[in-house]
């Protein structure tokens, strides 16, 4: 059985490829539609910033879908990103009545 990990894809990459590029928009045009600065959108699509809850609503209002889709993509990206780091924290489950 293959045990390959899928690459953790930032939702900004999805926004860029599946929404902005698919609609043949420039970053400037898309940022105007979304009512944000070009820098804000550029940071998201270049994986330098997260998609905020407000941005989730903006994307859904302009391009369709629901804010939940974008929020879930961002949350899952963040969880996968931190998963390996958490393994190094040396944490143990809490058990009542066991001395710490």
N, C-alpha and C. Protein backbone atom coordinates (compact mmCIF):
# COMPACT_ATOMS: atom_id res chain seq x y z
N UNK A 1 0.85 -1.18 0.00
CA UNK A 1 0.00 0.00 0.00
C UNK A 1 0.89 1.24 0.00
N UNK A 2 0.58 2.19 -0.86
CA UNK A 2 1.35 3.42 -0.92
C UNK A 2 0.98 4.34 0.23
N UNK A 3 1.98 4.92 0.83
CA UNK A 3 1.75 5.84 1.94
C UNK A 3 2.34 7.20 1.59
N UNK A 4 1.81 7.80 0.52
CA UNK A 4 2.29 9.10 0.09
C UNK A 4 1.45 10.19 0.73
N UNK A 5 2.13 11.22 1.18
CA UNK A 5 1.42 12.38 1.71
C UNK A 5 1.12 13.33 0.57
N UNK A 6 -0.09 13.84 0.57
CA UNK A 6 -0.42 14.87 -0.41
C UNK A 6 0.20 16.18 0.04
N UNK A 7 0.59 16.98 -0.91
CA UNK A 7 1.14 18.29 -0.61
C UNK A 7 0.05 19.14 0.04
N UNK A 8 0.44 19.85 1.08
CA UNK A 8 -0.48 20.74 1.78
C UNK A 8 -0.66 22.00 0.93
N UNK A 9 -1.85 22.19 0.38
CA UNK A 9 -2.09 23.29 -0.55
C UNK A 9 -2.75 24.46 0.18
N UNK A 10 -2.11 25.60 0.11
CA UNK A 10 -2.66 26.83 0.70
C UNK A 10 -3.91 27.22 -0.10
N UNK A 11 -4.98 27.64 0.57
CA UNK A 11 -6.19 28.01 -0.16
C UNK A 11 -5.99 29.19 -1.11
N UNK A 12 -4.96 29.99 -0.88
CA UNK A 12 -4.65 31.06 -1.81
C UNK A 12 -4.26 30.54 -3.18
N UNK A 13 -3.59 29.38 -3.21
CA UNK A 13 -3.25 28.75 -4.49
C UNK A 13 -4.51 28.35 -5.24
N UNK A 14 -5.47 27.83 -4.50
CA UNK A 14 -6.74 27.43 -5.11
C UNK A 14 -7.48 28.66 -5.63
N UNK A 15 -7.49 29.71 -4.83
CA UNK A 15 -8.13 30.96 -5.25
C UNK A 15 -7.49 31.48 -6.54
N UNK A 16 -6.18 31.43 -6.59
CA UNK A 16 -5.46 31.93 -7.76
C UNK A 16 -5.76 31.10 -9.00
N UNK A 17 -5.60 29.77 -8.87
CA UNK A 17 -5.73 28.89 -10.04
C UNK A 17 -7.18 28.66 -10.47
N UNK A 18 -8.04 28.37 -9.50
CA UNK A 18 -9.40 27.95 -9.82
C UNK A 18 -10.40 29.09 -9.96
N UNK A 19 -10.06 30.25 -9.43
CA UNK A 19 -11.01 31.37 -9.48
C UNK A 19 -10.46 32.51 -10.34
N UNK A 20 -9.33 33.05 -9.94
CA UNK A 20 -8.79 34.22 -10.64
C UNK A 20 -8.33 33.86 -12.05
N UNK A 21 -7.46 32.86 -12.17
CA UNK A 21 -6.97 32.47 -13.49
C UNK A 21 -8.07 31.89 -14.38
N UNK A 22 -8.95 31.07 -13.79
CA UNK A 22 -10.04 30.46 -14.57
C UNK A 22 -10.95 31.52 -15.17
N UNK A 23 -11.12 32.63 -14.46
CA UNK A 23 -11.97 33.71 -14.95
C UNK A 23 -11.18 34.76 -15.74
N UNK A 24 -9.92 34.43 -16.00
CA UNK A 24 -9.04 35.30 -16.78
C UNK A 24 -8.98 36.72 -16.21
N UNK A 25 -8.87 36.79 -14.89
CA UNK A 25 -8.77 38.08 -14.20
C UNK A 25 -7.32 38.36 -13.83
N UNK A 26 -6.99 39.61 -13.74
CA UNK A 26 -5.70 40.00 -13.18
C UNK A 26 -5.88 40.12 -11.67
N UNK A 27 -4.79 40.17 -10.96
CA UNK A 27 -4.86 40.34 -9.51
C UNK A 27 -5.49 41.70 -9.20
N UNK A 28 -5.15 42.70 -9.97
CA UNK A 28 -5.73 44.03 -9.76
C UNK A 28 -7.24 44.03 -9.96
N UNK A 29 -7.70 43.38 -11.03
CA UNK A 29 -9.14 43.31 -11.29
C UNK A 29 -9.87 42.53 -10.20
N UNK A 30 -9.30 41.40 -9.80
CA UNK A 30 -9.93 40.59 -8.75
C UNK A 30 -9.96 41.34 -7.43
N UNK A 31 -8.89 42.07 -7.11
CA UNK A 31 -8.87 42.81 -5.84
C UNK A 31 -9.92 43.90 -5.84
N UNK A 32 -10.15 44.53 -6.98
CA UNK A 32 -11.21 45.55 -7.07
C UNK A 32 -12.58 44.92 -6.86
N UNK A 33 -12.81 43.78 -7.49
CA UNK A 33 -14.09 43.08 -7.31
C UNK A 33 -14.32 42.72 -5.85
N UNK A 34 -13.25 42.30 -5.18
CA UNK A 34 -13.35 41.89 -3.78
C UNK A 34 -13.33 43.06 -2.81
N UNK A 35 -12.99 44.25 -3.29
CA UNK A 35 -12.96 45.43 -2.43
C UNK A 35 -11.79 45.43 -1.46
N UNK A 36 -10.66 44.87 -1.90
CA UNK A 36 -9.45 44.85 -1.08
C UNK A 36 -8.29 45.40 -1.90
N UNK A 37 -7.19 45.69 -1.24
CA UNK A 37 -6.03 46.17 -1.98
C UNK A 37 -5.39 45.04 -2.76
N UNK A 38 -4.65 45.41 -3.78
CA UNK A 38 -3.92 44.44 -4.58
C UNK A 38 -2.92 43.70 -3.70
N UNK A 39 -2.30 44.42 -2.78
CA UNK A 39 -1.32 43.81 -1.87
C UNK A 39 -1.96 42.74 -1.00
N UNK A 40 -3.14 43.02 -0.49
CA UNK A 40 -3.85 42.04 0.34
C UNK A 40 -4.10 40.76 -0.43
N UNK A 41 -4.65 40.89 -1.62
CA UNK A 41 -4.94 39.70 -2.43
C UNK A 41 -3.66 38.99 -2.85
N UNK A 42 -2.66 39.76 -3.22
CA UNK A 42 -1.38 39.18 -3.63
C UNK A 42 -0.77 38.35 -2.50
N UNK A 43 -0.82 38.85 -1.28
CA UNK A 43 -0.30 38.10 -0.14
C UNK A 43 -1.03 36.78 0.05
N UNK A 44 -2.33 36.78 -0.19
CA UNK A 44 -3.11 35.54 -0.05
C UNK A 44 -2.75 34.56 -1.15
N UNK A 45 -2.75 35.00 -2.40
CA UNK A 45 -2.52 34.05 -3.50
C UNK A 45 -1.07 33.61 -3.59
N UNK A 46 -0.18 34.33 -2.93
CA UNK A 46 1.23 33.91 -2.88
C UNK A 46 1.56 33.22 -1.56
N UNK A 47 0.53 32.81 -0.85
CA UNK A 47 0.64 31.98 0.37
C UNK A 47 1.39 32.70 1.50
N UNK A 48 1.33 34.01 1.54
CA UNK A 48 1.98 34.77 2.60
C UNK A 48 1.00 35.16 3.69
N UNK A 49 -0.29 35.10 3.39
CA UNK A 49 -1.33 35.44 4.37
C UNK A 49 -2.44 34.41 4.33
N UNK A 50 -3.09 34.24 5.45
CA UNK A 50 -4.27 33.37 5.52
C UNK A 50 -5.47 34.08 4.90
N UNK A 51 -6.48 33.30 4.55
CA UNK A 51 -7.75 33.86 4.12
C UNK A 51 -8.56 34.09 5.39
N UNK A 52 -8.83 35.34 5.71
CA UNK A 52 -9.56 35.70 6.92
C UNK A 52 -11.05 35.37 6.76
N UNK A 53 -11.78 35.29 7.88
CA UNK A 53 -13.22 35.07 7.78
C UNK A 53 -13.91 36.13 6.91
N UNK A 54 -13.47 37.38 7.05
CA UNK A 54 -14.06 38.43 6.22
C UNK A 54 -13.80 38.17 4.74
N UNK A 55 -12.59 37.76 4.42
CA UNK A 55 -12.26 37.47 3.02
C UNK A 55 -13.08 36.29 2.51
N UNK A 56 -13.35 35.32 3.37
CA UNK A 56 -14.20 34.18 2.98
C UNK A 56 -15.55 34.68 2.49
N UNK A 57 -16.12 35.64 3.22
CA UNK A 57 -17.41 36.21 2.83
C UNK A 57 -17.29 37.01 1.53
N UNK A 58 -16.21 37.73 1.38
CA UNK A 58 -16.02 38.52 0.16
C UNK A 58 -15.92 37.60 -1.07
N UNK A 59 -15.13 36.53 -0.96
CA UNK A 59 -14.96 35.60 -2.07
C UNK A 59 -16.30 34.96 -2.44
N UNK A 60 -17.05 34.53 -1.44
CA UNK A 60 -18.34 33.91 -1.69
C UNK A 60 -19.33 34.89 -2.33
N UNK A 61 -19.32 36.13 -1.87
CA UNK A 61 -20.24 37.13 -2.41
C UNK A 61 -19.94 37.45 -3.87
N UNK A 62 -18.66 37.50 -4.21
CA UNK A 62 -18.26 37.89 -5.57
C UNK A 62 -18.25 36.71 -6.54
N UNK A 63 -17.70 35.58 -6.10
CA UNK A 63 -17.49 34.47 -7.01
C UNK A 63 -18.42 33.28 -6.79
N UNK A 64 -19.26 33.34 -5.77
CA UNK A 64 -20.19 32.25 -5.49
C UNK A 64 -19.65 31.28 -4.47
N UNK A 65 -20.43 30.27 -4.19
CA UNK A 65 -20.07 29.31 -3.16
C UNK A 65 -20.45 29.86 -1.80
N UNK A 66 -19.84 29.29 -0.78
CA UNK A 66 -20.14 29.71 0.58
C UNK A 66 -18.85 30.11 1.29
N UNK A 67 -18.96 30.98 2.29
CA UNK A 67 -17.78 31.33 3.07
C UNK A 67 -17.18 30.12 3.77
N UNK A 68 -18.03 29.16 4.12
CA UNK A 68 -17.57 27.96 4.83
C UNK A 68 -16.53 27.18 4.03
N UNK A 69 -16.70 27.14 2.73
CA UNK A 69 -15.75 26.40 1.88
C UNK A 69 -14.34 26.96 2.09
N UNK A 70 -14.21 28.28 2.00
CA UNK A 70 -12.89 28.92 2.12
C UNK A 70 -12.37 28.84 3.54
N UNK A 71 -13.25 28.99 4.52
CA UNK A 71 -12.83 28.89 5.92
C UNK A 71 -12.34 27.48 6.23
N UNK A 72 -13.03 26.48 5.72
CA UNK A 72 -12.61 25.08 5.94
C UNK A 72 -11.29 24.78 5.26
N UNK A 73 -11.10 25.28 4.04
CA UNK A 73 -9.82 25.08 3.37
C UNK A 73 -8.68 25.68 4.17
N UNK A 74 -8.89 26.88 4.70
CA UNK A 74 -7.85 27.54 5.48
C UNK A 74 -7.58 26.79 6.78
N UNK A 75 -8.64 26.36 7.46
CA UNK A 75 -8.46 25.65 8.72
C UNK A 75 -7.73 24.32 8.50
N UNK A 76 -8.11 23.59 7.47
CA UNK A 76 -7.45 22.31 7.19
C UNK A 76 -5.99 22.52 6.81
N UNK A 77 -5.71 23.56 6.05
CA UNK A 77 -4.32 23.88 5.71
C UNK A 77 -3.51 24.15 6.98
N UNK A 78 -4.06 24.98 7.86
CA UNK A 78 -3.37 25.32 9.11
C UNK A 78 -3.15 24.10 9.99
N UNK A 79 -4.14 23.22 10.08
CA UNK A 79 -4.01 22.02 10.91
C UNK A 79 -2.94 21.08 10.37
N UNK A 80 -2.93 20.87 9.05
CA UNK A 80 -1.89 20.00 8.46
C UNK A 80 -0.51 20.61 8.62
N UNK A 81 -0.44 21.92 8.52
CA UNK A 81 0.84 22.62 8.64
C UNK A 81 1.45 22.43 10.03
N UNK A 82 0.64 22.40 11.05
CA UNK A 82 1.15 22.32 12.43
C UNK A 82 1.23 20.87 12.95
N UNK A 83 0.61 19.92 12.26
CA UNK A 83 0.51 18.55 12.76
C UNK A 83 1.85 17.93 13.12
N UNK A 84 2.84 18.05 12.26
CA UNK A 84 4.15 17.45 12.54
C UNK A 84 4.86 18.15 13.69
N UNK A 85 4.68 19.46 13.79
CA UNK A 85 5.32 20.21 14.86
C UNK A 85 4.78 19.78 16.23
N UNK A 86 3.49 19.52 16.30
CA UNK A 86 2.86 19.14 17.56
C UNK A 86 3.44 17.82 18.09
N UNK A 87 3.84 16.95 17.19
CA UNK A 87 4.42 15.67 17.60
C UNK A 87 5.70 15.86 18.42
N UNK A 88 6.36 16.97 18.25
CA UNK A 88 7.60 17.23 18.98
C UNK A 88 7.36 17.87 20.35
N UNK A 89 6.12 18.16 20.68
CA UNK A 89 5.80 18.85 21.94
C UNK A 89 5.87 17.93 23.17
N UNK A 90 5.97 16.62 22.96
CA UNK A 90 6.04 15.67 24.07
C UNK A 90 4.85 15.81 25.01
N UNK A 91 3.66 15.78 24.46
CA UNK A 91 2.43 15.91 25.24
C UNK A 91 1.87 14.53 25.57
N UNK A 92 1.24 14.43 26.72
CA UNK A 92 0.62 13.18 27.14
C UNK A 92 -0.85 13.45 27.48
N UNK A 93 -1.71 12.50 27.22
CA UNK A 93 -3.13 12.67 27.55
C UNK A 93 -3.33 12.82 29.06
N UNK A 94 -4.31 13.60 29.42
CA UNK A 94 -4.65 13.80 30.83
C UNK A 94 -5.47 12.61 31.32
N UNK A 95 -5.11 12.10 32.48
CA UNK A 95 -5.85 11.02 33.13
C UNK A 95 -6.14 11.45 34.56
N UNK A 96 -7.42 11.61 34.92
CA UNK A 96 -7.76 12.00 36.28
C UNK A 96 -7.22 10.96 37.29
N UNK A 97 -6.92 11.41 38.45
CA UNK A 97 -6.44 10.56 39.55
C UNK A 97 -5.05 9.97 39.30
N UNK A 98 -4.31 10.54 38.40
CA UNK A 98 -2.93 10.12 38.15
C UNK A 98 -2.04 11.32 38.48
N UNK A 99 -1.05 11.06 39.30
CA UNK A 99 -0.14 12.15 39.69
C UNK A 99 0.61 12.68 38.47
N UNK A 100 0.77 13.98 38.46
CA UNK A 100 1.44 14.61 37.32
C UNK A 100 2.91 14.77 37.63
